[in-house]
C-alpha atoms as a PDB file:
ATOM      1  CA  MET A   1       0.049  -0.238   0.012  1.00  0.00           C
ATOM      2  CA  ARG A   2       3.142   2.349   0.385  1.00  0.00           C
ATOM      3  CA  PHE A   3       4.578   1.521  -2.942  1.00  0.00           C
ATOM      4  CA  THR A   4       1.013   2.559  -4.252  1.00  0.00           C
ATOM      5  CA  PHE A   5       0.667   5.994  -2.357  1.00  0.00           C
ATOM      6  CA  GLY A   6       3.895   7.075  -3.343  1.00  0.00           C
ATOM      7  CA  LEU A   7       3.517   6.378  -6.935  1.00  0.00           C
ATOM      8  CA  PHE A   8       0.221   8.332  -6.324  1.00  0.00           C
ATOM      9  CA  ALA A   9       1.916  11.337  -4.541  1.00  0.00           C
ATOM     10  CA  VAL A  10       4.385  11.982  -7.500  1.00  0.00           C
ATOM     11  CA  PHE A  11       1.852  11.488 -10.359  1.00  0.00           C
ATOM     12  CA  ALA A  12      -0.232  13.817  -8.075  1.00  0.00           C
ATOM     13  CA  SER A  13       2.690  16.718  -7.464  1.00  0.00           C
ATOM     14  CA  THR A  14       4.373  16.506 -11.221  1.00  0.00           C
ATOM     15  CA  ALA A  15       0.214  16.412 -12.875  1.00  0.00           C
ATOM     16  CA  LEU A  16      -0.490  19.706 -10.488  1.00  0.00           C
ATOM     17  CA  ALA A  17       2.620  21.661 -11.119  1.00  0.00           C
ATOM     18  CA  VAL A  18       2.006  24.477 -12.512  1.00  0.00           C
ATOM     19  CA  PRO A  19       4.623  26.948 -14.801  1.00  0.00           C
ATOM     20  CA  ARG A  20       5.569  29.993 -14.021  1.00  0.00           C
ATOM     21  CA  SER A  21       4.031  31.621 -16.860  1.00  0.00           C
ATOM     22  CA  ASN A  22       0.838  30.898 -16.467  1.00  0.00           C
ATOM     23  CA  LEU A  23       0.774  32.266 -12.628  1.00  0.00           C
ATOM     24  CA  GLY A  24       1.662  35.846 -14.535  1.00  0.00           C
ATOM     25  CA  VAL A  25       5.412  35.697 -13.256  1.00  0.00           C
ATOM     26  CA  GLU A  26       7.831  35.229 -15.095  1.00  0.00           C
ATOM     27  CA  ALA A  27      10.804  33.247 -14.618  1.00  0.00           C
ATOM     28  CA  GLY A  28      13.720  35.774 -14.139  1.00  0.00           C
ATOM     29  CA  PRO A  29      17.350  35.475 -14.659  1.00  0.00           C
ATOM     30  CA  CYS A  30      19.525  32.821 -12.380  1.00  0.00           C
ATOM     31  CA  ALA A  31      23.365  33.157 -12.793  1.00  0.00           C
ATOM     32  CA  VAL A  32      24.394  30.345 -10.203  1.00  0.00           C
ATOM     33  CA  ASN A  33      27.917  31.547 -10.598  1.00  0.00           C
ATOM     34  CA  THR A  34      27.286  35.035  -9.586  1.00  0.00           C
ATOM     35  CA  ASP A  35      27.416  36.123  -6.266  1.00  0.00           C
ATOM     36  CA  ALA A  36      24.512  37.692  -6.425  1.00  0.00           C
ATOM     37  CA  CYS A  37      22.415  34.767  -7.643  1.00  0.00           C
ATOM     38  CA  ARG A  38      24.531  32.383  -5.036  1.00  0.00           C
ATOM     39  CA  ALA A  39      23.213  34.672  -1.762  1.00  0.00           C
ATOM     40  CA  VAL A  40      19.856  33.993  -3.436  1.00  0.00           C
ATOM     41  CA  ILE A  41      19.837  30.601  -3.295  1.00  0.00           C
ATOM     42  CA  ASN A  42      21.679  30.084  -0.176  1.00  0.00           C
ATOM     43  CA  ALA A  43      19.308  31.894   2.067  1.00  0.00           C
ATOM     44  CA  SER A  44      16.404  30.308   0.950  1.00  0.00           C
ATOM     45  CA  ALA A  45      15.821  28.740   4.347  1.00  0.00           C
ATOM     46  CA  CYS A  46      16.096  32.132   6.058  1.00  0.00           C
ATOM     47  CA  PHE A  47      13.653  33.773   3.149  1.00  0.00           C
ATOM     48  CA  ASN A  48      11.531  30.070   4.457  1.00  0.00           C
ATOM     49  CA  GLU A  49      11.495  31.338   7.791  1.00  0.00           C
ATOM     50  CA  PHE A  50      10.367  34.804   7.207  1.00  0.00           C
ATOM     51  CA  MET A  51       8.046  34.397   4.819  1.00  0.00           C
ATOM     52  CA  SER A  52       5.092  33.540   6.741  1.00  0.00           C
ATOM     53  CA  GLY A  53       4.476  37.232   8.585  1.00  0.00           C
ATOM     54  CA  GLY A  54       7.241  38.665   7.577  1.00  0.00           C
ATOM     55  CA  ASN A  55       8.075  42.128   6.075  1.00  0.00           C
ATOM     56  CA  LYS A  56      10.031  42.950   3.565  1.00  0.00           C
ATOM     57  CA  ASN A  57      13.221  44.059   5.176  1.00  0.00           C
ATOM     58  CA  SER A  58      13.226  40.693   7.274  1.00  0.00           C
ATOM     59  CA  ILE A  59      13.135  38.812   3.896  1.00  0.00           C
ATOM     60  CA  LEU A  60      15.867  41.108   2.444  1.00  0.00           C
ATOM     61  CA  ASN A  61      18.277  40.697   5.276  1.00  0.00           C
ATOM     62  CA  CYS A  62      18.137  37.595   4.861  1.00  0.00           C
ATOM     63  CA  LEU A  63      21.012  38.749   1.508  1.00  0.00           C
ATOM     64  CA  ALA A  64      22.569  41.653   3.935  1.00  0.00           C
ATOM     65  CA  GLY A  65      26.708  40.549   4.609  1.00  0.00           C
ATOM     66  CA  THR A  66      26.712  38.082   1.976  1.00  0.00           C
ATOM     67  CA  ASP A  67      29.278  38.251  -0.964  1.00  0.00           C
ATOM     68  CA  GLY A  68      28.991  40.837  -3.315  1.00  0.00           C
ATOM     69  CA  THR A  69      28.890  44.694  -3.412  1.00  0.00           C
ATOM     70  CA  GLN A  70      25.302  44.632  -4.080  1.00  0.00           C
ATOM     71  CA  THR A  71      21.987  45.334  -1.800  1.00  0.00           C
ATOM     72  CA  PRO A  72      20.021  42.618  -0.392  1.00  0.00           C
ATOM     73  CA  THR A  73      17.025  43.973  -3.440  1.00  0.00           C
ATOM     74  CA  GLU A  74      19.377  44.546  -5.996  1.00  0.00           C
ATOM     75  CA  LYS A  75      20.622  40.863  -5.769  1.00  0.00           C
ATOM     76  CA  MET A  76      17.288  39.780  -5.343  1.00  0.00           C
ATOM     77  CA  CYS A  77      15.894  41.098  -8.423  1.00  0.00           C
ATOM     78  CA  ALA A  78      19.178  39.847 -10.461  1.00  0.00           C
ATOM     79  CA  CYS A  79      18.215  36.363  -9.770  1.00  0.00           C
ATOM     80  CA  THR A  80      14.323  35.772  -9.471  1.00  0.00           C
ATOM     81  CA  GLY A  81      14.595  32.894 -11.439  1.00  0.00           C
ATOM     82  CA  CYS A  82      16.811  31.279  -8.919  1.00  0.00           C
ATOM     83  CA  VAL A  83      14.027  31.126  -5.798  1.00  0.00           C
ATOM     84  CA  ALA A  84      10.415  28.877  -5.905  1.00  0.00           C
ATOM     85  CA  PRO A  85       7.700  30.413  -7.417  1.00  0.00           C
ATOM     86  CA  VAL A  86       5.683  31.468  -4.203  1.00  0.00           C
ATOM     87  CA  MET A  87       9.135  33.761  -3.202  1.00  0.00           C
ATOM     88  CA  THR A  88       8.870  34.652  -6.797  1.00  0.00           C
ATOM     89  CA  THR A  89       4.858  35.814  -5.825  1.00  0.00           C
ATOM     90  CA  TRP A  90       5.624  37.534  -3.498  1.00  0.00           C
ATOM     91  CA  ILE A  91       8.180  39.518  -4.933  1.00  0.00           C
ATOM     92  CA  THR A  92       5.336  40.828  -7.244  1.00  0.00           C
ATOM     93  CA  LYS A  93       3.203  41.394  -4.597  1.00  0.00           C
ATOM     94  CA  ASN A  94       5.436  43.539  -2.586  1.00  0.00           C
ATOM     95  CA  ASN A  95       7.086  45.373  -5.265  1.00  0.00           C
ATOM     96  CA  VAL A  96      10.651  44.120  -4.679  1.00  0.00           C
ATOM     97  CA  CYS A  97      11.755  44.690  -8.015  1.00  0.00           C
ATOM     98  CA  LYS A  98       9.932  48.007  -9.047  1.00  0.00           C
END
């Protein structure tokens, strides 16, 4: 029974996946070899900590003090393709990359 349920879960999650372009949010750049994008990728656990109830500044502070000379906002906006769709939606909703 576990094996069958596991296969169903994998099938259901794949079948229900919605491409970002269908959500009204376009995938942005993700140059993983840049300091900015490495910082954004590495900060994903920090983003998750603040996503529910966190304000814009607390999430952007996850990128403060990371590699590169860009500001946290510049790093985030330069690497929107490196984050999960929920984060891309949050970036759009909160006008982070105006």
